[in-house]
């Protein structure tokens, strides 16, 4: 499956208020799911000494899927395709790599 297919199929499962005119809901969901990924990882560190077992891998994968869903909905709300978002991100990273600017901070390195 590619991002375009995912974005189209995931849109069929939207049940939040005013889809097509509501970028706030998926933004908040994205933040919440990022917290859930962080929570799973913190428990792997605390309870399993940082060792990833198959159960932990599946739990993190589940949360990453939820992150992807919210990211897809936000992109759709903003009339962006995930393919475009991914391509632009790779172009940005390649440029930073070529200019030796991967380290540091700031959006415009």
Protein backbone atom coordinates (compact mmCIF):
# COMPACT_ATOMS: atom_id res chain seq x y z
CA UNK A 1 0.00 0.00 0.00
CA UNK A 2 1.23 3.51 -0.72
CA UNK A 3 0.42 6.73 1.08
CA UNK A 4 -2.18 7.80 -1.46
CA UNK A 5 -4.09 4.55 -1.09
CA UNK A 6 -3.87 4.76 2.68
CA UNK A 7 -5.07 8.35 2.71
CA UNK A 8 -8.08 7.51 0.55
CA UNK A 9 -9.04 4.35 2.49
CA UNK A 10 -8.51 5.90 5.90
CA UNK A 11 -10.83 8.76 4.99
CA UNK A 12 -13.70 6.27 4.82
CA UNK A 13 -13.41 5.77 8.60
CA UNK A 14 -13.73 9.44 9.63
CA UNK A 15 -16.43 10.06 12.23
CA UNK A 16 -15.31 13.33 13.81
CA UNK A 17 -17.35 16.55 13.60
CA UNK A 18 -17.47 18.49 10.31
CA UNK A 19 -14.98 16.48 8.25
CA UNK A 20 -13.60 18.54 5.41
CA UNK A 21 -13.70 21.70 7.53
CA UNK A 22 -12.05 20.59 10.76
CA UNK A 23 -8.28 20.59 11.00
CA UNK A 24 -8.36 21.02 14.80
CA UNK A 25 -9.70 17.56 15.64
CA UNK A 26 -7.00 15.59 13.80
CA UNK A 27 -4.32 17.96 15.12
CA UNK A 28 -5.37 17.22 18.70
CA UNK A 29 -5.60 13.50 17.95
CA UNK A 30 -2.12 13.54 16.45
CA UNK A 31 -0.71 15.07 19.62
CA UNK A 32 -2.55 12.56 21.79
CA UNK A 33 -1.33 9.57 19.81
CA UNK A 34 2.26 10.86 19.88
CA UNK A 35 1.91 10.84 23.66
CA UNK A 36 0.69 7.24 23.55
CA UNK A 37 3.73 6.19 21.49
CA UNK A 38 5.97 7.93 24.03
CA UNK A 39 4.14 6.20 26.87
CA UNK A 40 4.65 2.75 25.30
CA UNK A 41 8.36 3.44 24.81
CA UNK A 42 8.77 4.74 28.37
CA UNK A 43 7.22 1.52 29.69
CA UNK A 44 9.60 -0.54 27.56
CA UNK A 45 12.46 1.33 29.21
CA UNK A 46 10.99 1.09 32.72
CA UNK A 47 9.59 -2.44 32.68
CA UNK A 48 11.73 -4.25 30.12
CA UNK A 49 15.11 -2.59 30.48
CA UNK A 50 14.77 -1.05 27.05
CA UNK A 51 14.55 -4.43 25.32
CA UNK A 52 11.99 -4.64 22.53
CA UNK A 53 10.07 -7.90 22.48
CA UNK A 54 7.42 -8.91 19.95
CA UNK A 55 4.54 -7.77 22.18
CA UNK A 56 6.11 -4.33 22.64
CA UNK A 57 6.83 -4.06 18.92
CA UNK A 58 3.17 -4.79 18.12
CA UNK A 59 1.93 -2.27 20.71
CA UNK A 60 4.15 0.47 19.32
CA UNK A 61 3.16 -0.44 15.75
CA UNK A 62 -0.51 -0.12 16.74
CA UNK A 63 0.06 3.37 18.13
CA UNK A 64 2.15 4.38 15.10
CA UNK A 65 -0.80 3.31 12.94
CA UNK A 66 -3.06 5.60 14.94
CA UNK A 67 -0.54 8.42 14.46
CA UNK A 68 -0.56 7.76 10.72
CA UNK A 69 -4.37 7.89 10.67
CA UNK A 70 -4.47 11.29 12.36
CA UNK A 71 -1.65 12.60 10.17
CA UNK A 72 -3.55 11.43 7.11
CA UNK A 73 -6.73 13.19 8.23
CA UNK A 74 -4.88 16.41 8.99
CA UNK A 75 -3.20 16.34 5.60
CA UNK A 76 -6.57 15.78 3.94
CA UNK A 77 -8.16 18.63 5.90
CA UNK A 78 -5.36 20.89 4.62
CA UNK A 79 -5.69 19.61 1.02
CA UNK A 80 -2.27 17.96 1.15
CA UNK A 81 -1.40 14.49 0.00
CA UNK A 82 0.74 12.28 2.22
CA UNK A 83 2.83 11.52 -0.87
CA UNK A 84 3.59 15.25 -1.24
CA UNK A 85 4.34 15.60 2.45
CA UNK A 86 6.72 12.62 2.35
CA UNK A 87 8.47 13.82 -0.83
CA UNK A 88 8.95 17.34 0.52
CA UNK A 89 10.36 15.96 3.75
CA UNK A 90 12.90 13.79 1.91
CA UNK A 91 13.93 16.75 -0.27
CA UNK A 92 14.44 18.87 2.86
CA UNK A 93 16.51 16.16 4.55
CA UNK A 94 18.63 15.54 1.45
CA UNK A 95 19.35 19.25 1.20
CA UNK A 96 20.39 19.38 4.84
CA UNK A 97 22.59 16.33 4.36
CA UNK A 98 24.30 17.88 1.33
CA UNK A 99 24.88 21.10 3.28
CA UNK A 100 25.95 19.20 6.41
CA UNK A 101 23.06 20.73 8.35
CA UNK A 102 21.38 17.62 9.77
CA UNK A 103 22.52 18.57 13.27
CA UNK A 104 21.27 21.67 15.02
CA UNK A 105 17.80 23.09 15.28
CA UNK A 106 15.43 25.34 13.43
CA UNK A 107 13.19 24.68 10.48
CA UNK A 108 15.28 26.62 7.96
CA UNK A 109 18.75 25.10 8.27
